[in-house]
C-alpha atoms as a PDB file:
ATOM      1  CA  MET A   1       0.000   0.000   0.000  1.00  0.00           C
ATOM      2  CA  GLN A   2       1.160   3.538  -0.647  1.00  0.00           C
ATOM      3  CA  ILE A   3      -0.143   6.798   0.804  1.00  0.00           C
ATOM      4  CA  THR A   4       0.964  10.259  -0.280  1.00  0.00           C
ATOM      5  CA  SER A   5       0.621  13.677   1.331  1.00  0.00           C
ATOM      6  CA  GLN A   6      -1.580  16.227  -0.386  1.00  0.00           C
ATOM      7  CA  LYS A   7       1.418  18.120  -1.835  1.00  0.00           C
ATOM      8  CA  GLY A   8       3.218  14.886  -2.711  1.00  0.00           C
ATOM      9  CA  SER A   9       6.354  15.582  -0.683  1.00  0.00           C
ATOM     10  CA  VAL A  10       5.814  12.723   1.803  1.00  0.00           C
ATOM     11  CA  VAL A  11       5.203   9.158   0.651  1.00  0.00           C
ATOM     12  CA  LEU A  12       4.718   6.111   2.864  1.00  0.00           C
ATOM     13  CA  ASP A  13       5.066   2.697   1.233  1.00  0.00           C
ATOM     14  CA  TYR A  14       4.060  -0.510   2.984  1.00  0.00           C
ATOM     15  CA  TYR A  15       5.329  -3.794   1.538  1.00  0.00           C
ATOM     16  CA  PRO A  16       4.632  -7.358   2.639  1.00  0.00           C
ATOM     17  CA  ILE A  17       7.813  -9.033   3.891  1.00  0.00           C
ATOM     18  CA  LYS A  18       9.042 -12.555   3.322  1.00  0.00           C
ATOM     19  CA  ASN A  19      11.820 -14.789   4.548  1.00  0.00           C
ATOM     20  CA  TRP A  20      14.439 -16.649   2.489  1.00  0.00           C
ATOM     21  CA  GLU A  21      11.981 -19.499   2.100  1.00  0.00           C
ATOM     22  CA  ASN A  22       9.566 -17.057   0.399  1.00  0.00           C
ATOM     23  CA  VAL A  23       7.069 -17.355   3.252  1.00  0.00           C
ATOM     24  CA  ILE A  24       5.210 -14.075   3.696  1.00  0.00           C
ATOM     25  CA  ASP A  25       5.013 -12.755   7.247  1.00  0.00           C
ATOM     26  CA  PRO A  26       1.279 -12.567   8.032  1.00  0.00           C
ATOM     27  CA  ASN A  27       1.666 -10.026  10.851  1.00  0.00           C
ATOM     28  CA  ASN A  28       4.242  -7.438   9.723  1.00  0.00           C
ATOM     29  CA  VAL A  29       5.093  -5.159   6.806  1.00  0.00           C
ATOM     30  CA  LEU A  30       8.057  -3.091   5.678  1.00  0.00           C
ATOM     31  CA  ARG A  31       7.334   0.660   6.059  1.00  0.00           C
ATOM     32  CA  ILE A  32       9.410   3.075   3.962  1.00  0.00           C
ATOM     33  CA  LEU A  33       9.106   6.829   4.544  1.00  0.00           C
ATOM     34  CA  THR A  34      10.228   9.034   1.647  1.00  0.00           C
ATOM     35  CA  PHE A  35      10.471  12.831   1.809  1.00  0.00           C
ATOM     36  CA  ARG A  36      10.906  14.737  -1.463  1.00  0.00           C
ATOM     37  CA  GLY A  37      12.182  11.616  -3.183  1.00  0.00           C
ATOM     38  CA  GLU A  38      14.772  10.718  -0.534  1.00  0.00           C
ATOM     39  CA  THR A  39      14.331   7.674   1.699  1.00  0.00           C
ATOM     40  CA  MET A  40      14.251   8.775   5.330  1.00  0.00           C
ATOM     41  CA  THR A  41      13.468   5.539   7.223  1.00  0.00           C
ATOM     42  CA  LYS A  42      12.829   1.856   6.710  1.00  0.00           C
ATOM     43  CA  ARG A  43      11.329  -0.217   9.489  1.00  0.00           C
ATOM     44  CA  ILE A  44       9.228  -3.268  10.182  1.00  0.00           C
ATOM     45  CA  VAL A  45       5.805  -2.493  11.665  1.00  0.00           C
ATOM     46  CA  SER A  46       2.818  -4.650  12.505  1.00  0.00           C
ATOM     47  CA  LYS A  47      -0.186  -4.625  10.201  1.00  0.00           C
ATOM     48  CA  GLU A  48      -2.196  -3.164  13.066  1.00  0.00           C
ATOM     49  CA  ILE A  49       0.151  -0.158  13.282  1.00  0.00           C
ATOM     50  CA  ARG A  50       0.025   0.209   9.489  1.00  0.00           C
ATOM     51  CA  ASP A  51      -3.767   0.207   9.491  1.00  0.00           C
ATOM     52  CA  ASP A  52      -3.965   2.764  12.320  1.00  0.00           C
ATOM     53  CA  GLU A  53      -1.393   4.998  10.631  1.00  0.00           C
ATOM     54  CA  VAL A  54      -3.126   4.900   7.247  1.00  0.00           C
ATOM     55  CA  ILE A  55      -6.539   5.679   8.756  1.00  0.00           C
ATOM     56  CA  ASP A  56      -5.088   8.542  10.823  1.00  0.00           C
ATOM     57  CA  ARG A  57      -3.199  10.153   7.939  1.00  0.00           C
ATOM     58  CA  VAL A  58      -6.047   9.786   5.433  1.00  0.00           C
ATOM     59  CA  ASP A  59      -8.737  11.027   7.842  1.00  0.00           C
ATOM     60  CA  ASN A  60      -6.784  13.754   9.670  1.00  0.00           C
ATOM     61  CA  TYR A  61      -3.937  14.892   7.411  1.00  0.00           C
ATOM     62  CA  THR A  62      -5.371  14.764   3.859  1.00  0.00           C
ATOM     63  CA  TYR A  63      -3.138  11.923   2.665  1.00  0.00           C
ATOM     64  CA  GLU A  64      -4.418   9.867  -0.256  1.00  0.00           C
ATOM     65  CA  ILE A  65      -4.042   6.176  -0.968  1.00  0.00           C
ATOM     66  CA  THR A  66      -2.026   6.195  -4.185  1.00  0.00           C
ATOM     67  CA  GLY A  67      -0.914   2.622  -4.751  1.00  0.00           C
ATOM     68  CA  ASN A  68      -1.071  -1.020  -3.783  1.00  0.00           C
ATOM     69  CA  LYS A  69       2.230  -2.828  -3.081  1.00  0.00           C
ATOM     70  CA  ASP A  70       0.671  -6.058  -1.762  1.00  0.00           C
ATOM     71  CA  ASN A  71       1.929  -8.047  -4.738  1.00  0.00           C
ATOM     72  CA  VAL A  72       5.567  -6.952  -4.244  1.00  0.00           C
ATOM     73  CA  PRO A  73       6.850  -8.749  -1.117  1.00  0.00           C
ATOM     74  CA  GLN A  74      10.328  -7.731   0.054  1.00  0.00           C
ATOM     75  CA  TYR A  75      13.009  -9.647   1.896  1.00  0.00           C
ATOM     76  CA  SER A  76      13.764  -8.087   5.242  1.00  0.00           C
ATOM     77  CA  SER A  77      16.602  -8.399   7.720  1.00  0.00           C
ATOM     78  CA  LEU A  78      14.028  -9.434  10.324  1.00  0.00           C
ATOM     79  CA  SER A  79      12.933 -12.260   8.053  1.00  0.00           C
ATOM     80  CA  VAL A  80      16.547 -13.209   7.324  1.00  0.00           C
ATOM     81  CA  GLU A  81      17.364 -13.235  11.036  1.00  0.00           C
ATOM     82  CA  THR A  82      14.369 -15.455  11.728  1.00  0.00           C
ATOM     83  CA  ALA A  83      15.454 -17.867   8.996  1.00  0.00           C
ATOM     84  CA  LEU A  84      19.048 -17.955  10.281  1.00  0.00           C
ATOM     85  CA  ASN A  85      17.845 -18.724  13.786  1.00  0.00           C
ATOM     86  CA  LYS A  86      16.269 -21.909  12.442  1.00  0.00           C
ATOM     87  CA  LEU A  87      19.595 -23.167  11.031  1.00  0.00           C
ATOM     88  CA  SER A  88      22.014 -25.301  12.987  1.00  0.00           C
ATOM     89  CA  PRO A  89      25.505 -23.833  13.611  1.00  0.00           C
ATOM     90  CA  LEU A  90      26.902 -26.204  10.969  1.00  0.00           C
ATOM     91  CA  GLU A  91      24.606 -24.744   8.288  1.00  0.00           C
ATOM     92  CA  VAL A  92      25.570 -21.122   8.896  1.00  0.00           C
END
């Protein structure tokens, strides 16, 4: 999902995340904040936080939903770490 400020200077993208086994995390998404075309932050947030943030910004700060990124899952370091924790020390 993507939301954009009214003037277009702030964009928030939310991507599904997956691990190295291509299993999509059902509870979390990657949130990328861009200001005037420059990436400011990347972080993992829960879907509940994403939903609350989208509703708040659309209802109270005139952001618009401008895209759907649900079909573009991203690998994340959190997902990689989770996958590595499942490996035995001999596999790492």
